[in-house]
PDB file of N, CA and C in Angstrom:
ATOM      1  N   MET A   1     -28.438 -45.500-135.547  1.00  0.00           N
ATOM      2  CA  MET A   1     -29.703 -46.151-135.304  1.00  0.00           C
ATOM      3  C   MET A   1     -30.376 -46.187-134.338  1.00  0.00           C
ATOM      4  N   THR A   2     -31.564 -45.779-134.218  1.00  0.00           N
ATOM      5  CA  THR A   2     -32.096 -44.467-133.370  1.00  0.00           C
ATOM      6  C   THR A   2     -33.617 -46.207-133.197  1.00  0.00           C
ATOM      7  N   ALA A   3     -33.883 -45.707-131.450  1.00  0.00           N
ATOM      8  CA  ALA A   3     -34.668 -45.939-131.228  1.00  0.00           C
ATOM      9  C   ALA A   3     -36.313 -46.418-132.460  1.00  0.00           C
ATOM     10  N   ASP A   4     -35.858 -44.910-132.862  1.00  0.00           N
ATOM     11  CA  ASP A   4     -37.757 -45.170-133.612  1.00  0.00           C
ATOM     12  C   ASP A   4     -37.185 -45.856-134.877  1.00  0.00           C
ATOM     13  N   ALA A   5     -36.823 -45.884-135.448  1.00  0.00           N
ATOM     14  CA  ALA A   5     -36.663 -46.648-136.377  1.00  0.00           C
ATOM     15  C   ALA A   5     -37.114 -48.219-136.399  1.00  0.00           C
ATOM     16  N   VAL A   6     -36.104 -48.987-135.677  1.00  0.00           N
ATOM     17  CA  VAL A   6     -37.199 -50.155-134.255  1.00  0.00           C
ATOM     18  C   VAL A   6     -37.649 -50.652-133.923  1.00  0.00           C
ATOM     19  N   GLY A   7     -38.629 -49.603-133.420  1.00  0.00           N
ATOM     20  CA  GLY A   7     -40.057 -49.364-133.339  1.00  0.00           C
ATOM     21  C   GLY A   7     -40.804 -49.178-134.557  1.00  0.00           C
ATOM     22  N   ARG A   8     -40.020 -49.143-135.417  1.00  0.00           N
ATOM     23  CA  ARG A   8     -40.960 -48.808-136.655  1.00  0.00           C
ATOM     24  C   ARG A   8     -40.618 -50.419-137.479  1.00  0.00           C
ATOM     25  N   PHE A   9     -39.461 -51.539-137.214  1.00  0.00           N
ATOM     26  CA  PHE A   9     -39.431 -52.364-137.973  1.00  0.00           C
ATOM     27  C   PHE A   9     -40.459 -53.150-137.160  1.00  0.00           C
ATOM     28  N   LEU A  10     -40.285 -53.452-135.878  1.00  0.00           N
ATOM     29  CA  LEU A  10     -41.608 -54.153-134.320  1.00  0.00           C
ATOM     30  C   LEU A  10     -42.851 -54.229-134.938  1.00  0.00           C
ATOM     31  N   ALA A  11     -42.875 -52.382-135.315  1.00  0.00           N
ATOM     32  CA  ALA A  11     -44.433 -52.245-136.035  1.00  0.00           C
ATOM     33  C   ALA A  11     -44.842 -53.114-137.203  1.00  0.00           C
ATOM     34  N   ALA A  12     -44.562 -53.101-138.007  1.00  0.00           N
ATOM     35  CA  ALA A  12     -44.370 -53.936-139.557  1.00  0.00           C
ATOM     36  C   ALA A  12     -44.297 -54.985-139.454  1.00  0.00           C
ATOM     37  N   LEU A  13     -43.809 -55.506-138.798  1.00  0.00           N
ATOM     38  CA  LEU A  13     -43.273 -57.545-138.166  1.00  0.00           C
ATOM     39  C   LEU A  13     -44.825 -57.905-137.819  1.00  0.00           C
ATOM     40  N   GLU A  14     -45.744 -59.104-138.543  1.00  0.00           N
ATOM     41  CA  GLU A  14     -46.522 -60.578-137.721  1.00  0.00           C
ATOM     42  C   GLU A  14     -46.130 -60.316-136.639  1.00  0.00           C
ATOM     43  N   PRO A  15     -46.824 -60.793-135.627  1.00  0.00           N
ATOM     44  CA  PRO A  15     -46.813 -60.526-133.987  1.00  0.00           C
ATOM     45  C   PRO A  15     -45.531 -61.733-133.426  1.00  0.00           C
ATOM     46  N   GLN A  16     -46.158 -62.907-134.686  1.00  0.00           N
ATOM     47  CA  GLN A  16     -45.331 -63.307-134.709  1.00  0.00           C
ATOM     48  C   GLN A  16     -43.167 -63.583-134.182  1.00  0.00           C
ATOM     49  N   GLY A  17     -43.460 -62.996-136.210  1.00  0.00           N
ATOM     50  CA  GLY A  17     -42.158 -61.689-136.023  1.00  0.00           C
ATOM     51  C   GLY A  17     -41.452 -61.252-134.865  1.00  0.00           C
ATOM     52  N   ARG A  18     -42.144 -60.053-134.460  1.00  0.00           N
ATOM     53  CA  ARG A  18     -42.416 -58.922-133.670  1.00  0.00           C
ATOM     54  C   ARG A  18     -41.630 -59.611-131.925  1.00  0.00           C
ATOM     55  N   GLU A  19     -41.789 -60.899-131.545  1.00  0.00           N
ATOM     56  CA  GLU A  19     -42.049 -62.051-130.324  1.00  0.00           C
ATOM     57  C   GLU A  19     -40.616 -61.740-130.787  1.00  0.00           C
ATOM     58  N   ALA A  20     -40.231 -62.660-131.669  1.00  0.00           N
ATOM     59  CA  ALA A  20     -38.777 -63.156-132.544  1.00  0.00           C
ATOM     60  C   ALA A  20     -38.179 -62.171-131.990  1.00  0.00           C
ATOM     61  N   VAL A  21     -38.441 -61.051-132.571  1.00  0.00           N
ATOM     62  CA  VAL A  21     -36.702 -60.028-132.836  1.00  0.00           C
ATOM     63  C   VAL A  21     -37.266 -59.111-131.549  1.00  0.00           C
ATOM     64  N   ALA A  22     -38.943 -58.801-130.253  1.00  0.00           N
ATOM     65  CA  ALA A  22     -38.087 -58.565-128.443  1.00  0.00           C
ATOM     66  C   ALA A  22     -37.453 -59.294-127.959  1.00  0.00           C
ATOM     67  N   GLY A  23     -37.579 -60.749-128.220  1.00  0.00           N
ATOM     68  CA  GLY A  23     -35.921 -61.789-127.959  1.00  0.00           C
ATOM     69  C   GLY A  23     -34.900 -61.361-128.044  1.00  0.00           C
ATOM     70  N   ARG A  24     -34.181 -60.700-128.995  1.00  0.00           N
ATOM     71  CA  ARG A  24     -33.287 -60.623-129.000  1.00  0.00           C
ATOM     72  C   ARG A  24     -32.766 -59.149-128.117  1.00  0.00           C
ATOM     73  N   SER A  25     -31.065 -59.348-128.739  1.00  0.00           N
ATOM     74  CA  SER A  25     -30.498 -58.223-128.639  1.00  0.00           C
ATOM     75  C   SER A  25     -30.898 -57.279-128.962  1.00  0.00           C
ATOM     76  N   ARG A  26     -30.404 -55.881-127.459  1.00  0.00           N
ATOM     77  CA  ARG A  26     -30.621 -54.551-129.092  1.00  0.00           C
ATOM     78  C   ARG A  26     -30.178 -54.278-130.243  1.00  0.00           C
ATOM     79  N   GLU A  27     -28.914 -54.802-130.042  1.00  0.00           N
ATOM     80  CA  GLU A  27     -27.316 -54.885-130.730  1.00  0.00           C
ATOM     81  C   GLU A  27     -28.406 -55.090-132.041  1.00  0.00           C
ATOM     82  N   GLU A  28     -28.942 -56.689-131.843  1.00  0.00           N
ATOM     83  CA  GLU A  28     -29.620 -57.042-133.189  1.00  0.00           C
ATOM     84  C   GLU A  28     -30.642 -56.753-133.657  1.00  0.00           C
ATOM     85  N   GLN A  29     -31.120 -56.410-132.261  1.00  0.00           N
ATOM     86  CA  GLN A  29     -32.873 -55.772-133.436  1.00  0.00           C
ATOM     87  C   GLN A  29     -32.264 -54.358-134.296  1.00  0.00           C
ATOM     88  N   GLU A  30     -30.973 -53.597-133.839  1.00  0.00           N
ATOM     89  CA  GLU A  30     -31.067 -52.402-133.812  1.00  0.00           C
ATOM     90  C   GLU A  30     -30.389 -52.998-135.243  1.00  0.00           C
ATOM     91  N   ARG A  31     -29.867 -54.001-136.013  1.00  0.00           N
ATOM     92  CA  ARG A  31     -29.649 -54.191-137.028  1.00  0.00           C
ATOM     93  C   ARG A  31     -30.174 -55.141-138.336  1.00  0.00           C
ATOM     94  N   LEU A  32     -31.060 -55.746-137.953  1.00  0.00           N
ATOM     95  CA  LEU A  32     -32.669 -56.292-138.445  1.00  0.00           C
ATOM     96  C   LEU A  32     -32.846 -54.701-139.318  1.00  0.00           C
ATOM     97  N   ALA A  33     -33.422 -53.846-138.355  1.00  0.00           N
ATOM     98  CA  ALA A  33     -33.788 -52.121-138.254  1.00  0.00           C
ATOM     99  C   ALA A  33     -33.336 -51.812-139.245  1.00  0.00           C
ATOM    100  N   ALA A  34     -31.772 -52.590-139.715  1.00  0.00           N
ATOM    101  CA  ALA A  34     -31.315 -51.170-140.286  1.00  0.00           C
ATOM    102  C   ALA A  34     -31.572 -51.800-141.755  1.00  0.00           C
ATOM    103  N   ALA A  35     -31.185 -53.191-141.803  1.00  0.00           N
ATOM    104  CA  ALA A  35     -31.362 -54.483-142.977  1.00  0.00           C
ATOM    105  C   ALA A  35     -33.494 -54.141-143.784  1.00  0.00           C
ATOM    106  N   TRP A  36     -34.039 -53.615-142.662  1.00  0.00           N
ATOM    107  CA  TRP A  36     -35.208 -52.892-142.825  1.00  0.00           C
ATOM    108  C   TRP A  36     -34.900 -52.023-144.047  1.00  0.00           C
ATOM    109  N   GLU A  37     -34.578 -50.749-143.411  1.00  0.00           N
ATOM    110  CA  GLU A  37     -34.906 -49.302-143.619  1.00  0.00           C
ATOM    111  C   GLU A  37     -33.853 -49.547-145.313  1.00  0.00           C
ATOM    112  N   GLU A  38     -32.432 -50.823-145.611  1.00  0.00           N
ATOM    113  CA  GLU A  38     -31.956 -50.439-146.991  1.00  0.00           C
ATOM    114  C   GLU A  38     -32.977 -51.223-147.610  1.00  0.00           C
ATOM    115  N   GLU A  39     -33.462 -52.460-147.167  1.00  0.00           N
ATOM    116  CA  GLU A  39     -35.321 -53.021-148.405  1.00  0.00           C
ATOM    117  C   GLU A  39     -35.449 -52.503-148.552  1.00  0.00           C
ATOM    118  N   LEU A  40     -36.146 -50.534-147.991  1.00  0.00           N
ATOM    119  CA  LEU A  40     -37.184 -50.241-147.960  1.00  0.00           C
ATOM    120  C   LEU A  40     -36.666 -49.356-149.075  1.00  0.00           C
ATOM    121  N   ASP A  41     -35.345 -49.136-148.537  1.00  0.00           N
ATOM    122  CA  ASP A  41     -34.718 -47.765-149.624  1.00  0.00           C
ATOM    123  C   ASP A  41     -33.918 -48.218-151.088  1.00  0.00           C
ATOM    124  N   SER A  42     -33.616 -49.420-151.228  1.00  0.00           N
ATOM    125  CA  SER A  42     -33.200 -50.231-152.251  1.00  0.00           C
ATOM    126  C   SER A  42     -34.132 -50.929-153.212  1.00  0.00           C
ATOM    127  N   ASP A  43     -35.499 -51.167-152.841  1.00  0.00           N
ATOM    128  CA  ASP A  43     -35.820 -52.362-153.644  1.00  0.00           C
ATOM    129  C   ASP A  43     -36.730 -51.290-154.568  1.00  0.00           C
ATOM    130  N   ASP A  44     -36.712 -50.825-155.723  1.00  0.00           N
ATOM    131  CA  ASP A  44     -37.912 -50.088-156.812  1.00  0.00           C
ATOM    132  C   ASP A  44     -39.612 -50.613-156.214  1.00  0.00           C
ATOM    133  N   GLU A  45     -39.018 -51.981-156.370  1.00  0.00           N
ATOM    134  CA  GLU A  45     -40.948 -52.785-155.740  1.00  0.00           C
ATOM    135  C   GLU A  45     -41.638 -52.341-154.830  1.00  0.00           C
ATOM    136  N   LEU A  46     -40.651 -52.235-153.792  1.00  0.00           N
ATOM    137  CA  LEU A  46     -41.470 -51.584-152.652  1.00  0.00           C
ATOM    138  C   LEU A  46     -42.216 -49.621-152.959  1.00  0.00           C
ATOM    139  N   ASP A  47     -41.381 -49.300-153.255  1.00  0.00           N
ATOM    140  CA  ASP A  47     -41.342 -47.249-153.579  1.00  0.00           C
ATOM    141  C   ASP A  47     -42.595 -47.509-155.224  1.00  0.00           C
ATOM    142  N   THR A  48     -42.520 -48.534-155.266  1.00  0.00           N
ATOM    143  CA  THR A  48     -44.259 -48.578-156.024  1.00  0.00           C
ATOM    144  C   THR A  48     -45.168 -49.165-155.019  1.00  0.00           C
ATOM    145  N   LEU A  49     -44.777 -50.204-154.127  1.00  0.00           N
ATOM    146  CA  LEU A  49     -45.836 -50.314-152.487  1.00  0.00           C
ATOM    147  C   LEU A  49     -45.943 -48.954-151.870  1.00  0.00           C
ATOM    148  N   ASP A  50     -45.622 -48.654-151.774  1.00  0.00           N
ATOM    149  CA  ASP A  50     -44.959 -47.856-150.948  1.00  0.00           C
ATOM    150  C   ASP A  50     -46.185 -46.797-150.827  1.00  0.00           C
ATOM    151  N   GLU A  51     -46.030 -45.903-152.477  1.00  0.00           N
ATOM    152  CA  GLU A  51     -47.038 -44.560-152.818  1.00  0.00           C
ATOM    153  C   GLU A  51     -48.846 -45.155-152.102  1.00  0.00           C
ATOM    154  N   LEU A  52     -48.859 -46.668-152.623  1.00  0.00           N
ATOM    155  CA  LEU A  52     -50.064 -47.387-153.541  1.00  0.00           C
ATOM    156  C   LEU A  52     -50.772 -47.351-151.346  1.00  0.00           C
ATOM    157  N   SER A  53     -49.468 -47.589-150.447  1.00  0.00           N
ATOM    158  CA  SER A  53     -49.531 -48.810-149.310  1.00  0.00           C
ATOM    159  C   SER A  53     -48.383 -47.955-148.496  1.00  0.00           C
ATOM    160  N   PRO A  54     -47.709 -47.212-147.465  1.00  0.00           N
ATOM    161  CA  PRO A  54     -46.766 -47.088-146.800  1.00  0.00           C
ATOM    162  C   PRO A  54     -47.074 -48.279-145.828  1.00  0.00           C
ATOM    163  N   PRO A  55     -47.604 -48.396-145.447  1.00  0.00           N
ATOM    164  CA  PRO A  55     -47.607 -49.717-143.840  1.00  0.00           C
ATOM    165  C   PRO A  55     -47.803 -50.813-145.064  1.00  0.00           C
ATOM    166  N   ALA A  56     -47.566 -50.993-145.958  1.00  0.00           N
ATOM    167  CA  ALA A  56     -48.401 -53.154-146.370  1.00  0.00           C
ATOM    168  C   ALA A  56     -46.219 -52.773-147.077  1.00  0.00           C
ATOM    169  N   ALA A  57     -45.316 -51.432-147.584  1.00  0.00           N
ATOM    170  CA  ALA A  57     -44.616 -51.901-147.427  1.00  0.00           C
ATOM    171  C   ALA A  57     -43.676 -51.696-146.955  1.00  0.00           C
ATOM    172  N   GLU A  58     -44.248 -51.798-145.982  1.00  0.00           N
ATOM    173  CA  GLU A  58     -42.933 -51.280-144.829  1.00  0.00           C
ATOM    174  C   GLU A  58     -43.166 -53.298-143.836  1.00  0.00           C
ATOM    175  N   ALA A  59     -44.392 -54.034-144.160  1.00  0.00           N
ATOM    176  CA  ALA A  59     -44.319 -54.949-143.989  1.00  0.00           C
ATOM    177  C   ALA A  59     -44.547 -56.426-144.702  1.00  0.00           C
ATOM    178  N   GLU A  60     -44.340 -55.436-145.745  1.00  0.00           N
ATOM    179  CA  GLU A  60     -42.911 -56.171-147.202  1.00  0.00           C
ATOM    180  C   GLU A  60     -41.590 -56.940-146.967  1.00  0.00           C
ATOM    181  N   ALA A  61     -41.525 -55.300-146.348  1.00  0.00           N
ATOM    182  CA  ALA A  61     -39.811 -55.832-146.398  1.00  0.00           C
ATOM    183  C   ALA A  61     -39.229 -55.788-145.269  1.00  0.00           C
ATOM    184  N   ALA A  62     -40.191 -55.741-144.084  1.00  0.00           N
ATOM    185  CA  ALA A  62     -39.545 -56.721-142.537  1.00  0.00           C
ATOM    186  C   ALA A  62     -39.957 -58.115-143.030  1.00  0.00           C
ATOM    187  N   ARG A  63     -41.146 -58.744-143.950  1.00  0.00           N
ATOM    188  CA  ARG A  63     -41.175 -60.290-143.979  1.00  0.00           C
ATOM    189  C   ARG A  63     -40.137 -60.456-145.017  1.00  0.00           C
ATOM    190  N   ARG A  64     -39.976 -60.161-146.458  1.00  0.00           N
ATOM    191  CA  ARG A  64     -37.933 -60.767-146.555  1.00  0.00           C
ATOM    192  C   ARG A  64     -36.754 -60.273-145.444  1.00  0.00           C
ATOM    193  N   VAL A  65     -36.822 -59.626-144.438  1.00  0.00           N
ATOM    194  CA  VAL A  65     -35.333 -59.693-143.846  1.00  0.00           C
ATOM    195  C   VAL A  65     -35.353 -60.507-142.903  1.00  0.00           C
ATOM    196  N   MET A  66     -36.937 -61.099-142.340  1.00  0.00           N
ATOM    197  CA  MET A  66     -36.774 -62.166-141.427  1.00  0.00           C
ATOM    198  C   MET A  66     -37.425 -63.484-142.787  1.00  0.00           C
ATOM    199  N   ASP A  67     -36.722 -62.993-143.741  1.00  0.00           N
ATOM    200  CA  ASP A  67     -37.456 -65.144-144.262  1.00  0.00           C
ATOM    201  C   ASP A  67     -35.364 -65.063-144.533  1.00  0.00           C
ATOM    202  N   ARG A  68     -34.941 -63.899-144.808  1.00  0.00           N
ATOM    203  CA  ARG A  68     -33.806 -63.665-145.407  1.00  0.00           C
ATOM    204  C   ARG A  68     -32.698 -64.732-143.594  1.00  0.00           C
ATOM    205  N   GLU A  69     -33.491 -63.594-141.990  1.00  0.00           N
ATOM    206  CA  GLU A  69     -32.805 -64.604-141.068  1.00  0.00           C
ATOM    207  C   GLU A  69     -33.197 -65.535-140.761  1.00  0.00           C
ATOM    208  N   GLY A  70     -34.178 -66.437-141.779  1.00  0.00           N
ATOM    209  CA  GLY A  70     -34.579 -67.560-141.926  1.00  0.00           C
ATOM    210  C   GLY A  70     -34.662 -68.957-140.734  1.00  0.00           C
TER     211      GLY A  70
END
């Protein structure tokens, strides 16, 4: 996992989620960023949204990952 993926994931989060993730260990941040990338790659709905608005697709994928983290 590159620092870039973690940075992109953090940028896609809402401020409250960004703060929560920034306070976690680097390993945990990388795990969440990997889950985010998987969400982006695997969901056809997000593919359609990505064509219209890449930032919106990234934000939606980030929201889904954080919702699963509960």
